[in-house]
């Protein structure tokens, strides 16, 4: 005789009630969201770092071809201006991703079950 035959909750093939399965899924929502946020943030930061390294490599390649201090100084000023502009845009994108991450964690925390102490 199954639990649903006795008026209880229906069970699945391994004998877990639907409420238990739902509770486990809700319990895992917050840790899953935290891992997702860390991966998204890490991906964005590594992408930005890669762009910076690439831009610096190009700058150094051009710098080695300079024939004088004035040409090198002009090239450096252009490089710095470009990095500030691109860095500002990237920072704006990272802040937007951070806001999305906070919302993702808040949503996951809202659906997570409340933990009560035994006392």
PDB file of N, CA and C in Angstrom:
ATOM      1  N   UNK A   1       0.839  -1.169   0.000  1.00  0.00           N
ATOM      2  CA  UNK A   1       0.000   0.000   0.000  1.00  0.00           C
ATOM      3  C   UNK A   1       0.893   1.245   0.000  1.00  0.00           C
ATOM      4  N   UNK A   2       0.659   2.192  -0.920  1.00  0.00           N
ATOM      5  CA  UNK A   2       1.496   3.387  -1.030  1.00  0.00           C
ATOM      6  C   UNK A   2       0.987   4.491  -0.119  1.00  0.00           C
ATOM      7  N   UNK A   3       1.841   5.535   0.028  1.00  0.00           N
ATOM      8  CA  UNK A   3       1.453   6.669   0.872  1.00  0.00           C
ATOM      9  C   UNK A   3       0.221   7.369   0.328  1.00  0.00           C
ATOM     10  N   UNK A   4       0.084   7.416  -1.010  1.00  0.00           N
ATOM     11  CA  UNK A   4      -1.089   8.077  -1.577  1.00  0.00           C
ATOM     12  C   UNK A   4      -2.338   7.252  -1.335  1.00  0.00           C
ATOM     13  N   UNK A   5      -2.204   5.923  -1.218  1.00  0.00           N
ATOM     14  CA  UNK A   5      -3.352   5.087  -0.904  1.00  0.00           C
ATOM     15  C   UNK A   5      -3.815   5.312   0.527  1.00  0.00           C
ATOM     16  N   UNK A   6      -2.898   5.709   1.393  1.00  0.00           N
ATOM     17  CA  UNK A   6      -3.218   5.935   2.792  1.00  0.00           C
ATOM     18  C   UNK A   6      -3.608   7.387   3.057  1.00  0.00           C
ATOM     19  N   UNK A   7      -3.755   8.187   2.017  1.00  0.00           N
ATOM     20  CA  UNK A   7      -4.136   9.588   2.173  1.00  0.00           C
ATOM     21  C   UNK A   7      -2.959  10.517   2.321  1.00  0.00           C
ATOM     22  N   UNK A   8      -1.718  10.009   2.191  1.00  0.00           N
ATOM     23  CA  UNK A   8      -0.519  10.836   2.298  1.00  0.00           C
ATOM     24  C   UNK A   8      -0.125  11.386   0.939  1.00  0.00           C
ATOM     25  N   UNK A   9       1.062  11.966   0.882  1.00  0.00           N
ATOM     26  CA  UNK A   9       1.580  12.523  -0.360  1.00  0.00           C
ATOM     27  C   UNK A   9       2.012  11.407  -1.293  1.00  0.00           C
ATOM     28  N   UNK A  10       1.841  11.579  -2.598  1.00  0.00           N
ATOM     29  CA  UNK A  10       2.324  10.564  -3.539  1.00  0.00           C
ATOM     30  C   UNK A  10       3.849  10.514  -3.500  1.00  0.00           C
ATOM     31  N   UNK A  11       4.410   9.343  -3.734  1.00  0.00           N
ATOM     32  CA  UNK A  11       5.848   9.183  -3.725  1.00  0.00           C
ATOM     33  C   UNK A  11       6.348   8.867  -5.118  1.00  0.00           C
ATOM     34  N   UNK A  12       7.649   9.085  -5.324  1.00  0.00           N
ATOM     35  CA  UNK A  12       8.242   8.758  -6.621  1.00  0.00           C
ATOM     36  C   UNK A  12       8.817   7.353  -6.566  1.00  0.00           C
ATOM     37  N   UNK A  13       9.585   6.971  -7.569  1.00  0.00           N
ATOM     38  CA  UNK A  13      10.108   5.607  -7.674  1.00  0.00           C
ATOM     39  C   UNK A  13      11.031   5.227  -6.524  1.00  0.00           C
ATOM     40  N   UNK A  14      11.697   6.200  -5.898  1.00  0.00           N
ATOM     41  CA  UNK A  14      12.597   5.842  -4.793  1.00  0.00           C
ATOM     42  C   UNK A  14      11.954   6.117  -3.429  1.00  0.00           C
ATOM     43  N   UNK A  15      10.679   6.410  -3.422  1.00  0.00           N
ATOM     44  CA  UNK A  15       9.952   6.541  -2.169  1.00  0.00           C
ATOM     45  C   UNK A  15       9.965   7.918  -1.542  1.00  0.00           C
ATOM     46  N   UNK A  16      10.367   8.950  -2.288  1.00  0.00           N
ATOM     47  CA  UNK A  16      10.361  10.312  -1.744  1.00  0.00           C
ATOM     48  C   UNK A  16       9.050  11.008  -2.095  1.00  0.00           C
ATOM     49  N   UNK A  17       8.494  11.693  -1.139  1.00  0.00           N
ATOM     50  CA  UNK A  17       7.272  12.450  -1.372  1.00  0.00           C
ATOM     51  C   UNK A  17       7.579  13.672  -2.222  1.00  0.00           C
ATOM     52  N   UNK A  18       6.580  14.135  -2.950  1.00  0.00           N
ATOM     53  CA  UNK A  18       6.742  15.303  -3.820  1.00  0.00           C
ATOM     54  C   UNK A  18       7.196  16.523  -3.028  1.00  0.00           C
ATOM     55  N   UNK A  19       6.702  16.673  -1.793  1.00  0.00           N
ATOM     56  CA  UNK A  19       7.110  17.813  -0.960  1.00  0.00           C
ATOM     57  C   UNK A  19       8.594  17.739  -0.620  1.00  0.00           C
ATOM     58  N   UNK A  20       9.091  16.522  -0.380  1.00  0.00           N
ATOM     59  CA  UNK A  20      10.506  16.351  -0.064  1.00  0.00           C
ATOM     60  C   UNK A  20      11.369  16.715  -1.269  1.00  0.00           C
ATOM     61  N   UNK A  21      10.960  16.286  -2.438  1.00  0.00           N
ATOM     62  CA  UNK A  21      11.707  16.607  -3.661  1.00  0.00           C
ATOM     63  C   UNK A  21      11.699  18.101  -3.902  1.00  0.00           C
ATOM     64  N   UNK A  22      10.545  18.735  -3.711  1.00  0.00           N
ATOM     65  CA  UNK A  22      10.448  20.182  -3.895  1.00  0.00           C
ATOM     66  C   UNK A  22      11.332  20.901  -2.880  1.00  0.00           C
ATOM     67  N   UNK A  23      11.336  20.425  -1.644  1.00  0.00           N
ATOM     68  CA  UNK A  23      12.170  21.031  -0.602  1.00  0.00           C
ATOM     69  C   UNK A  23      13.651  20.918  -0.919  1.00  0.00           C
ATOM     70  N   UNK A  24      14.061  19.759  -1.427  1.00  0.00           N
ATOM     71  CA  UNK A  24      15.472  19.592  -1.799  1.00  0.00           C
ATOM     72  C   UNK A  24      15.848  20.518  -2.949  1.00  0.00           C
ATOM     73  N   UNK A  25      14.975  20.638  -3.936  1.00  0.00           N
ATOM     74  CA  UNK A  25      15.260  21.522  -5.065  1.00  0.00           C
ATOM     75  C   UNK A  25      15.377  22.970  -4.598  1.00  0.00           C
ATOM     76  N   UNK A  26      14.475  23.389  -3.698  1.00  0.00           N
ATOM     77  CA  UNK A  26      14.548  24.755  -3.177  1.00  0.00           C
ATOM     78  C   UNK A  26      15.792  24.954  -2.327  1.00  0.00           C
ATOM     79  N   UNK A  27      16.218  23.914  -1.604  1.00  0.00           N
ATOM     80  CA  UNK A  27      17.426  24.004  -0.776  1.00  0.00           C
ATOM     81  C   UNK A  27      18.676  24.189  -1.626  1.00  0.00           C
ATOM     82  N   UNK A  28      18.674  23.647  -2.821  1.00  0.00           N
ATOM     83  CA  UNK A  28      19.838  23.747  -3.695  1.00  0.00           C
ATOM     84  C   UNK A  28      19.831  25.011  -4.550  1.00  0.00           C
ATOM     85  N   UNK A  29      18.743  25.753  -4.558  1.00  0.00           N
ATOM     86  CA  UNK A  29      18.638  26.940  -5.414  1.00  0.00           C
ATOM     87  C   UNK A  29      19.683  27.997  -5.057  1.00  0.00           C
ATOM     88  N   UNK A  30      19.861  28.271  -3.778  1.00  0.00           N
ATOM     89  CA  UNK A  30      20.814  29.312  -3.377  1.00  0.00           C
ATOM     90  C   UNK A  30      22.263  28.907  -3.663  1.00  0.00           C
ATOM     91  N   UNK A  31      22.718  27.699  -3.263  1.00  0.00           N
ATOM     92  CA  UNK A  31      24.104  27.326  -3.614  1.00  0.00           C
ATOM     93  C   UNK A  31      24.336  27.328  -5.126  1.00  0.00           C
ATOM     94  N   UNK A  32      23.348  26.892  -5.894  1.00  0.00           N
ATOM     95  CA  UNK A  32      23.481  26.889  -7.356  1.00  0.00           C
ATOM     96  C   UNK A  32      23.608  28.312  -7.875  1.00  0.00           C
ATOM     97  N   UNK A  33      22.834  29.225  -7.308  1.00  0.00           N
ATOM     98  CA  UNK A  33      22.898  30.632  -7.732  1.00  0.00           C
ATOM     99  C   UNK A  33      24.255  31.237  -7.384  1.00  0.00           C
ATOM    100  N   UNK A  34      24.779  30.906  -6.211  1.00  0.00           N
ATOM    101  CA  UNK A  34      26.080  31.446  -5.818  1.00  0.00           C
ATOM    102  C   UNK A  34      27.192  30.957  -6.747  1.00  0.00           C
ATOM    103  N   UNK A  35      27.150  29.695  -7.110  1.00  0.00           N
ATOM    104  CA  UNK A  35      28.153  29.154  -8.040  1.00  0.00           C
ATOM    105  C   UNK A  35      28.010  29.816  -9.399  1.00  0.00           C
ATOM    106  N   UNK A  36      26.785  29.988  -9.866  1.00  0.00           N
ATOM    107  CA  UNK A  36      26.549  30.628 -11.160  1.00  0.00           C
ATOM    108  C   UNK A  36      27.079  32.052 -11.167  1.00  0.00           C
ATOM    109  N   UNK A  37      26.843  32.773 -10.085  1.00  0.00           N
ATOM    110  CA  UNK A  37      27.316  34.165  -9.968  1.00  0.00           C
ATOM    111  C   UNK A  37      28.844  34.205 -10.011  1.00  0.00           C
ATOM    112  N   UNK A  38      29.492  33.296  -9.304  1.00  0.00           N
ATOM    113  CA  UNK A  38      30.957  33.273  -9.297  1.00  0.00           C
ATOM    114  C   UNK A  38      31.503  32.978 -10.693  1.00  0.00           C
ATOM    115  N   UNK A  39      30.881  32.056 -11.393  1.00  0.00           N
ATOM    116  CA  UNK A  39      31.342  31.731 -12.746  1.00  0.00           C
ATOM    117  C   UNK A  39      31.127  32.891 -13.703  1.00  0.00           C
ATOM    118  N   UNK A  40      29.963  33.549 -13.617  1.00  0.00           N
ATOM    119  CA  UNK A  40      29.690  34.690 -14.503  1.00  0.00           C
ATOM    120  C   UNK A  40      30.657  35.835 -14.238  1.00  0.00           C
ATOM    121  N   UNK A  41      30.905  36.117 -12.963  1.00  0.00           N
ATOM    122  CA  UNK A  41      31.816  37.204 -12.604  1.00  0.00           C
ATOM    123  C   UNK A  41      33.237  36.878 -13.039  1.00  0.00           C
ATOM    124  N   UNK A  42      33.670  35.656 -12.779  1.00  0.00           N
ATOM    125  CA  UNK A  42      35.014  35.248 -13.185  1.00  0.00           C
ATOM    126  C   UNK A  42      35.208  35.316 -14.686  1.00  0.00           C
ATOM    127  N   UNK A  43      34.198  34.894 -15.426  1.00  0.00           N
ATOM    128  CA  UNK A  43      34.267  34.944 -16.891  1.00  0.00           C
ATOM    129  C   UNK A  43      34.403  36.381 -17.373  1.00  0.00           C
ATOM    130  N   UNK A  44      33.609  37.276 -16.801  1.00  0.00           N
ATOM    131  CA  UNK A  44      33.667  38.688 -17.209  1.00  0.00           C
ATOM    132  C   UNK A  44      35.029  39.303 -16.875  1.00  0.00           C
ATOM    133  N   UNK A  45      35.526  39.022 -15.681  1.00  0.00           N
ATOM    134  CA  UNK A  45      36.823  39.586 -15.277  1.00  0.00           C
ATOM    135  C   UNK A  45      37.965  39.033 -16.120  1.00  0.00           C
ATOM    136  N   UNK A  46      37.949  37.733 -16.382  1.00  0.00           N
ATOM    137  CA  UNK A  46      39.005  37.155 -17.204  1.00  0.00           C
ATOM    138  C   UNK A  46      38.936  37.660 -18.648  1.00  0.00           C
ATOM    139  N   UNK A  47      37.733  37.865 -19.143  1.00  0.00           N
ATOM    140  CA  UNK A  47      37.589  38.433 -20.487  1.00  0.00           C
ATOM    141  C   UNK A  47      38.188  39.827 -20.568  1.00  0.00           C
ATOM    142  N   UNK A  48      37.911  40.640 -19.558  1.00  0.00           N
ATOM    143  CA  UNK A  48      38.462  41.995 -19.519  1.00  0.00           C
ATOM    144  C   UNK A  48      39.983  41.955 -19.388  1.00  0.00           C
ATOM    145  N   UNK A  49      40.490  41.088 -18.522  1.00  0.00           N
ATOM    146  CA  UNK A  49      41.940  40.971 -18.350  1.00  0.00           C
ATOM    147  C   UNK A  49      42.601  40.541 -19.658  1.00  0.00           C
ATOM    148  N   UNK A  50      41.963  39.631 -20.376  1.00  0.00           N
ATOM    149  CA  UNK A  50      42.496  39.193 -21.666  1.00  0.00           C
ATOM    150  C   UNK A  50      42.561  40.327 -22.671  1.00  0.00           C
ATOM    151  N   UNK A  51      41.524  41.166 -22.693  1.00  0.00           N
ATOM    152  CA  UNK A  51      41.522  42.324 -23.594  1.00  0.00           C
ATOM    153  C   UNK A  51      42.651  43.284 -23.235  1.00  0.00           C
ATOM    154  N   UNK A  52      42.880  43.484 -21.931  1.00  0.00           N
ATOM    155  CA  UNK A  52      43.947  44.388 -21.488  1.00  0.00           C
ATOM    156  C   UNK A  52      45.316  43.863 -21.902  1.00  0.00           C
ATOM    157  N   UNK A  53      45.542  42.579 -21.705  1.00  0.00           N
ATOM    158  CA  UNK A  53      46.828  41.986 -22.075  1.00  0.00           C
ATOM    159  C   UNK A  53      47.042  42.084 -23.580  1.00  0.00           C
ATOM    160  N   UNK A  54      45.996  41.827 -24.353  1.00  0.00           N
ATOM    161  CA  UNK A  54      46.099  41.919 -25.809  1.00  0.00           C
ATOM    162  C   UNK A  54      46.430  43.354 -26.243  1.00  0.00           C
ATOM    163  N   UNK A  55      45.728  44.326 -25.652  1.00  0.00           N
ATOM    164  CA  UNK A  55      45.979  45.730 -25.994  1.00  0.00           C
ATOM    165  C   UNK A  55      47.398  46.139 -25.612  1.00  0.00           C
ATOM    166  N   UNK A  56      47.876  45.674 -24.471  1.00  0.00           N
ATOM    167  CA  UNK A  56      49.233  46.016 -24.047  1.00  0.00           C
ATOM    168  C   UNK A  56      50.277  45.378 -24.965  1.00  0.00           C
ATOM    169  N   UNK A  57      50.025  44.156 -25.405  1.00  0.00           N
ATOM    170  CA  UNK A  57      50.947  43.494 -26.330  1.00  0.00           C
ATOM    171  C   UNK A  57      51.039  44.263 -27.644  1.00  0.00           C
ATOM    172  N   UNK A  58      49.890  44.728 -28.149  1.00  0.00           N
ATOM    173  CA  UNK A  58      49.887  45.529 -29.380  1.00  0.00           C
ATOM    174  C   UNK A  58      50.634  46.842 -29.169  1.00  0.00           C
ATOM    175  N   UNK A  59      50.391  47.469 -28.001  1.00  0.00           N
ATOM    176  CA  UNK A  59      51.078  48.717 -27.684  1.00  0.00           C
ATOM    177  C   UNK A  59      52.593  48.516 -27.673  1.00  0.00           C
ATOM    178  N   UNK A  60      53.059  47.465 -27.006  1.00  0.00           N
ATOM    179  CA  UNK A  60      54.497  47.213 -26.932  1.00  0.00           C
ATOM    180  C   UNK A  60      55.086  46.908 -28.305  1.00  0.00           C
ATOM    181  N   UNK A  61      54.316  46.208 -29.129  1.00  0.00           N
ATOM    182  CA  UNK A  61      54.786  45.922 -30.495  1.00  0.00           C
ATOM    183  C   UNK A  61      55.011  47.225 -31.264  1.00  0.00           C
ATOM    184  N   UNK A  62      54.060  48.158 -31.139  1.00  0.00           N
ATOM    185  CA  UNK A  62      54.206  49.446 -31.822  1.00  0.00           C
ATOM    186  C   UNK A  62      55.294  50.303 -31.171  1.00  0.00           C
ATOM    187  N   UNK A  63      55.419  50.196 -29.858  1.00  0.00           N
ATOM    188  CA  UNK A  63      56.417  50.984 -29.145  1.00  0.00           C
ATOM    189  C   UNK A  63      57.840  50.612 -29.580  1.00  0.00           C
ATOM    190  N   UNK A  64      58.090  49.350 -29.804  1.00  0.00           N
ATOM    191  CA  UNK A  64      59.422  48.908 -30.228  1.00  0.00           C
ATOM    192  C   UNK A  64      59.794  49.438 -31.614  1.00  0.00           C
ATOM    193  N   UNK A  65      58.795  49.832 -32.388  1.00  0.00           N
ATOM    194  CA  UNK A  65      59.057  50.365 -33.733  1.00  0.00           C
ATOM    195  C   UNK A  65      59.266  51.876 -33.736  1.00  0.00           C
ATOM    196  N   UNK A  66      59.040  52.512 -32.580  1.00  0.00           N
ATOM    197  CA  UNK A  66      59.180  53.971 -32.518  1.00  0.00           C
ATOM    198  C   UNK A  66      60.638  54.370 -32.751  1.00  0.00           C
ATOM    199  N   UNK A  67      60.806  55.519 -33.416  1.00  0.00           N
ATOM    200  CA  UNK A  67      62.149  55.986 -33.746  1.00  0.00           C
ATOM    201  C   UNK A  67      62.615  57.111 -32.816  1.00  0.00           C
ATOM    202  N   UNK A  68      61.724  57.580 -31.961  1.00  0.00           N
ATOM    203  CA  UNK A  68      62.128  58.661 -31.066  1.00  0.00           C
ATOM    204  C   UNK A  68      61.193  58.773 -29.877  1.00  0.00           C
ATOM    205  N   UNK A  69      61.626  59.609 -28.919  1.00  0.00           N
ATOM    206  CA  UNK A  69      60.865  59.787 -27.697  1.00  0.00           C
ATOM    207  C   UNK A  69      59.510  60.433 -27.966  1.00  0.00           C
ATOM    208  N   UNK A  70      59.449  61.386 -28.869  1.00  0.00           N
ATOM    209  CA  UNK A  70      58.178  62.061 -29.162  1.00  0.00           C
ATOM    210  C   UNK A  70      57.153  61.077 -29.728  1.00  0.00           C
ATOM    211  N   UNK A  71      57.589  60.248 -30.659  1.00  0.00           N
ATOM    212  CA  UNK A  71      56.686  59.251 -31.240  1.00  0.00           C
ATOM    213  C   UNK A  71      56.226  58.256 -30.157  1.00  0.00           C
ATOM    214  N   UNK A  72      57.133  57.828 -29.289  1.00  0.00           N
ATOM    215  CA  UNK A  72      56.791  56.903 -28.214  1.00  0.00           C
ATOM    216  C   UNK A  72      55.831  57.549 -27.218  1.00  0.00           C
ATOM    217  N   UNK A  73      56.059  58.813 -26.927  1.00  0.00           N
ATOM    218  CA  UNK A  73      55.195  59.531 -25.997  1.00  0.00           C
ATOM    219  C   UNK A  73      53.778  59.677 -26.556  1.00  0.00           C
ATOM    220  N   UNK A  74      53.664  59.995 -27.828  1.00  0.00           N
ATOM    221  CA  UNK A  74      52.354  60.115 -28.483  1.00  0.00           C
ATOM    222  C   UNK A  74      51.641  58.769 -28.482  1.00  0.00           C
ATOM    223  N   UNK A  75      52.369  57.716 -28.804  1.00  0.00           N
ATOM    224  CA  UNK A  75      51.797  56.374 -28.813  1.00  0.00           C
ATOM    225  C   UNK A  75      51.312  55.987 -27.416  1.00  0.00           C
ATOM    226  N   UNK A  76      52.109  56.317 -26.401  1.00  0.00           N
ATOM    227  CA  UNK A  76      51.729  56.003 -25.026  1.00  0.00           C
ATOM    228  C   UNK A  76      50.469  56.759 -24.621  1.00  0.00           C
ATOM    229  N   UNK A  77      50.383  58.021 -24.974  1.00  0.00           N
ATOM    230  CA  UNK A  77      49.200  58.822 -24.641  1.00  0.00           C
ATOM    231  C   UNK A  77      47.950  58.234 -25.297  1.00  0.00           C
ATOM    232  N   UNK A  78      48.090  57.799 -26.549  1.00  0.00           N
ATOM    233  CA  UNK A  78      46.958  57.162 -27.230  1.00  0.00           C
ATOM    234  C   UNK A  78      46.549  55.868 -26.530  1.00  0.00           C
ATOM    235  N   UNK A  79      47.544  55.086 -26.141  1.00  0.00           N
ATOM    236  CA  UNK A  79      47.272  53.823 -25.457  1.00  0.00           C
ATOM    237  C   UNK A  79      46.531  54.063 -24.141  1.00  0.00           C
ATOM    238  N   UNK A  80      47.008  55.007 -23.345  1.00  0.00           N
ATOM    239  CA  UNK A  80      46.380  55.309 -22.057  1.00  0.00           C
ATOM    240  C   UNK A  80      44.946  55.794 -22.266  1.00  0.00           C
ATOM    241  N   UNK A  81      44.728  56.677 -23.235  1.00  0.00           N
ATOM    242  CA  UNK A  81      43.373  57.181 -23.497  1.00  0.00           C
ATOM    243  C   UNK A  81      42.440  56.045 -23.907  1.00  0.00           C
ATOM    244  N   UNK A  82      42.944  55.155 -24.745  1.00  0.00           N
ATOM    245  CA  UNK A  82      42.134  54.021 -25.182  1.00  0.00           C
ATOM    246  C   UNK A  82      41.807  53.107 -24.003  1.00  0.00           C
ATOM    247  N   UNK A  83      42.790  52.824 -23.170  1.00  0.00           N
ATOM    248  CA  UNK A  83      42.561  51.948 -22.020  1.00  0.00           C
ATOM    249  C   UNK A  83      41.585  52.557 -21.024  1.00  0.00           C
ATOM    250  N   UNK A  84      41.674  53.872 -20.819  1.00  0.00           N
ATOM    251  CA  UNK A  84      40.736  54.533 -19.910  1.00  0.00           C
ATOM    252  C   UNK A  84      39.325  54.444 -20.471  1.00  0.00           C
ATOM    253  N   UNK A  85      39.169  54.705 -21.761  1.00  0.00           N
ATOM    254  CA  UNK A  85      37.844  54.633 -22.387  1.00  0.00           C
ATOM    255  C   UNK A  85      37.270  53.232 -22.355  1.00  0.00           C
ATOM    256  N   UNK A  86      38.061  52.252 -22.769  1.00  0.00           N
ATOM    257  CA  UNK A  86      37.590  50.865 -22.779  1.00  0.00           C
ATOM    258  C   UNK A  86      37.402  50.343 -21.353  1.00  0.00           C
ATOM    259  N   UNK A  87      38.284  50.746 -20.454  1.00  0.00           N
ATOM    260  CA  UNK A  87      38.163  50.334 -19.054  1.00  0.00           C
ATOM    261  C   UNK A  87      36.891  50.870 -18.425  1.00  0.00           C
ATOM    262  N   UNK A  88      36.539  52.094 -18.740  1.00  0.00           N
ATOM    263  CA  UNK A  88      35.301  52.680 -18.233  1.00  0.00           C
ATOM    264  C   UNK A  88      34.075  51.945 -18.738  1.00  0.00           C
ATOM    265  N   UNK A  89      34.098  51.614 -20.022  1.00  0.00           N
ATOM    266  CA  UNK A  89      32.970  50.854 -20.593  1.00  0.00           C
ATOM    267  C   UNK A  89      32.878  49.467 -19.962  1.00  0.00           C
ATOM    268  N   UNK A  90      34.022  48.841 -19.793  1.00  0.00           N
ATOM    269  CA  UNK A  90      34.038  47.502 -19.194  1.00  0.00           C
ATOM    270  C   UNK A  90      33.580  47.546 -17.744  1.00  0.00           C
ATOM    271  N   UNK A  91      33.997  48.567 -17.012  1.00  0.00           N
ATOM    272  CA  UNK A  91      33.563  48.720 -15.622  1.00  0.00           C
ATOM    273  C   UNK A  91      32.048  48.867 -15.555  1.00  0.00           C
ATOM    274  N   UNK A  92      31.483  49.635 -16.471  1.00  0.00           N
ATOM    275  CA  UNK A  92      30.023  49.787 -16.530  1.00  0.00           C
ATOM    276  C   UNK A  92      29.355  48.442 -16.766  1.00  0.00           C
ATOM    277  N   UNK A  93      29.919  47.635 -17.666  1.00  0.00           N
ATOM    278  CA  UNK A  93      29.358  46.307 -17.939  1.00  0.00           C
ATOM    279  C   UNK A  93      29.506  45.386 -16.728  1.00  0.00           C
ATOM    280  N   UNK A  94      30.641  45.459 -16.035  1.00  0.00           N
ATOM    281  CA  UNK A  94      30.836  44.633 -14.846  1.00  0.00           C
ATOM    282  C   UNK A  94      29.872  45.024 -13.730  1.00  0.00           C
ATOM    283  N   UNK A  95      29.610  46.325 -13.575  1.00  0.00           N
ATOM    284  CA  UNK A  95      28.653  46.765 -12.567  1.00  0.00           C
ATOM    285  C   UNK A  95      27.242  46.294 -12.906  1.00  0.00           C
ATOM    286  N   UNK A  96      26.893  46.313 -14.184  1.00  0.00           N
ATOM    287  CA  UNK A  96      25.579  45.806 -14.595  1.00  0.00           C
ATOM    288  C   UNK A  96      25.480  44.311 -14.302  1.00  0.00           C
ATOM    289  N   UNK A  97      26.555  43.575 -14.567  1.00  0.00           N
ATOM    290  CA  UNK A  97      26.571  42.135 -14.261  1.00  0.00           C
ATOM    291  C   UNK A  97      26.459  41.915 -12.754  1.00  0.00           C
ATOM    292  N   UNK A  98      27.101  42.776 -11.957  1.00  0.00           N
ATOM    293  CA  UNK A  98      27.017  42.651 -10.497  1.00  0.00           C
ATOM    294  C   UNK A  98      25.582  42.864 -10.024  1.00  0.00           C
ATOM    295  N   UNK A  99      24.895  43.837 -10.617  1.00  0.00           N
ATOM    296  CA  UNK A  99      23.487  44.067 -10.257  1.00  0.00           C
ATOM    297  C   UNK A  99      22.640  42.844 -10.604  1.00  0.00           C
ATOM    298  N   UNK A 100      22.877  42.265 -11.773  1.00  0.00           N
ATOM    299  CA  UNK A 100      22.152  41.056 -12.173  1.00  0.00           C
ATOM    300  C   UNK A 100      22.459  39.916 -11.202  1.00  0.00           C
ATOM    301  N   UNK A 101      23.708  39.813 -10.776  1.00  0.00           N
ATOM    302  CA  UNK A 101      24.100  38.755  -9.844  1.00  0.00           C
ATOM    303  C   UNK A 101      23.405  38.917  -8.498  1.00  0.00           C
ATOM    304  N   UNK A 102      23.305  40.151  -8.018  1.00  0.00           N
ATOM    305  CA  UNK A 102      22.630  40.404  -6.749  1.00  0.00           C
ATOM    306  C   UNK A 102      21.159  40.007  -6.867  1.00  0.00           C
ATOM    307  N   UNK A 103      20.538  40.350  -7.985  1.00  0.00           N
ATOM    308  CA  UNK A 103      19.137  39.977  -8.193  1.00  0.00           C
ATOM    309  C   UNK A 103      18.981  38.459  -8.260  1.00  0.00           C
ATOM    310  N   UNK A 104      19.914  37.785  -8.907  1.00  0.00           N
ATOM    311  CA  UNK A 104      19.870  36.325  -9.010  1.00  0.00           C
ATOM    312  C   UNK A 104      19.977  35.682  -7.632  1.00  0.00           C
ATOM    313  N   UNK A 105      20.888  36.182  -6.807  1.00  0.00           N
ATOM    314  CA  UNK A 105      21.045  35.640  -5.453  1.00  0.00           C
ATOM    315  C   UNK A 105      19.805  35.938  -4.612  1.00  0.00           C
ATOM    316  N   UNK A 106      19.273  37.138  -4.734  1.00  0.00           N
ATOM    317  CA  UNK A 106      18.072  37.498  -3.964  1.00  0.00           C
ATOM    318  C   UNK A 106      16.898  36.603  -4.343  1.00  0.00           C
ATOM    319  N   UNK A 107      16.733  36.343  -5.636  1.00  0.00           N
ATOM    320  CA  UNK A 107      15.650  35.460  -6.079  1.00  0.00           C
ATOM    321  C   UNK A 107      15.832  34.051  -5.531  1.00  0.00           C
ATOM    322  N   UNK A 108      17.067  33.561  -5.568  1.00  0.00           N
ATOM    323  CA  UNK A 108      17.340  32.222  -5.065  1.00  0.00           C
ATOM    324  C   UNK A 108      17.140  32.152  -3.553  1.00  0.00           C
ATOM    325  N   UNK A 109      17.561  33.186  -2.850  1.00  0.00           N
ATOM    326  CA  UNK A 109      17.411  33.200  -1.391  1.00  0.00           C
ATOM    327  C   UNK A 109      15.947  33.262  -1.004  1.00  0.00           C
ATOM    328  N   UNK A 110      15.157  33.976  -1.787  1.00  0.00           N
ATOM    329  CA  UNK A 110      13.728  34.094  -1.507  1.00  0.00           C
ATOM    330  C   UNK A 110      13.025  32.744  -1.615  1.00  0.00           C
ATOM    331  N   UNK A 111      13.444  31.929  -2.575  1.00  0.00           N
ATOM    332  CA  UNK A 111      12.782  30.643  -2.771  1.00  0.00           C
ATOM    333  C   UNK A 111      13.368  29.546  -1.897  1.00  0.00           C
ATOM    334  N   UNK A 112      14.513  29.818  -1.237  1.00  0.00           N
ATOM    335  CA  UNK A 112      15.135  28.799  -0.381  1.00  0.00           C
ATOM    336  C   UNK A 112      14.292  28.627   0.881  1.00  0.00           C
ATOM    337  N   UNK A 113      14.246  27.410   1.405  1.00  0.00           N
ATOM    338  CA  UNK A 113      13.472  27.180   2.623  1.00  0.00           C
ATOM    339  C   UNK A 113      14.102  27.885   3.820  1.00  0.00           C
ATOM    340  N   UNK A 114      13.298  28.242   4.774  1.00  0.00           N
ATOM    341  CA  UNK A 114      13.773  28.885   5.988  1.00  0.00           C
ATOM    342  C   UNK A 114      14.342  27.820   6.919  1.00  0.00           C
ATOM    343  N   UNK A 115      15.482  28.108   7.501  1.00  0.00           N
ATOM    344  CA  UNK A 115      16.107  27.172   8.430  1.00  0.00           C
ATOM    345  C   UNK A 115      15.801  27.660   9.834  1.00  0.00           C
ATOM    346  N   UNK A 116      15.243  26.786  10.617  1.00  0.00           N
ATOM    347  CA  UNK A 116      14.889  27.134  11.995  1.00  0.00           C
ATOM    348  C   UNK A 116      15.801  26.364  12.944  1.00  0.00           C
ATOM    349  N   UNK A 117      16.176  26.999  14.042  1.00  0.00           N
ATOM    350  CA  UNK A 117      17.032  26.305  15.009  1.00  0.00           C
ATOM    351  C   UNK A 117      16.179  25.307  15.808  1.00  0.00           C
ATOM    352  N   UNK A 118      16.835  24.331  16.380  1.00  0.00           N
ATOM    353  CA  UNK A 118      16.144  23.289  17.131  1.00  0.00           C
ATOM    354  C   UNK A 118      15.743  23.753  18.519  1.00  0.00           C
ATOM    355  N   UNK A 119      16.226  24.892  18.972  1.00  0.00           N
ATOM    356  CA  UNK A 119      15.928  25.336  20.334  1.00  0.00           C
ATOM    357  C   UNK A 119      14.579  25.951  20.491  1.00  0.00           C
TER     358      UNK A 119
END
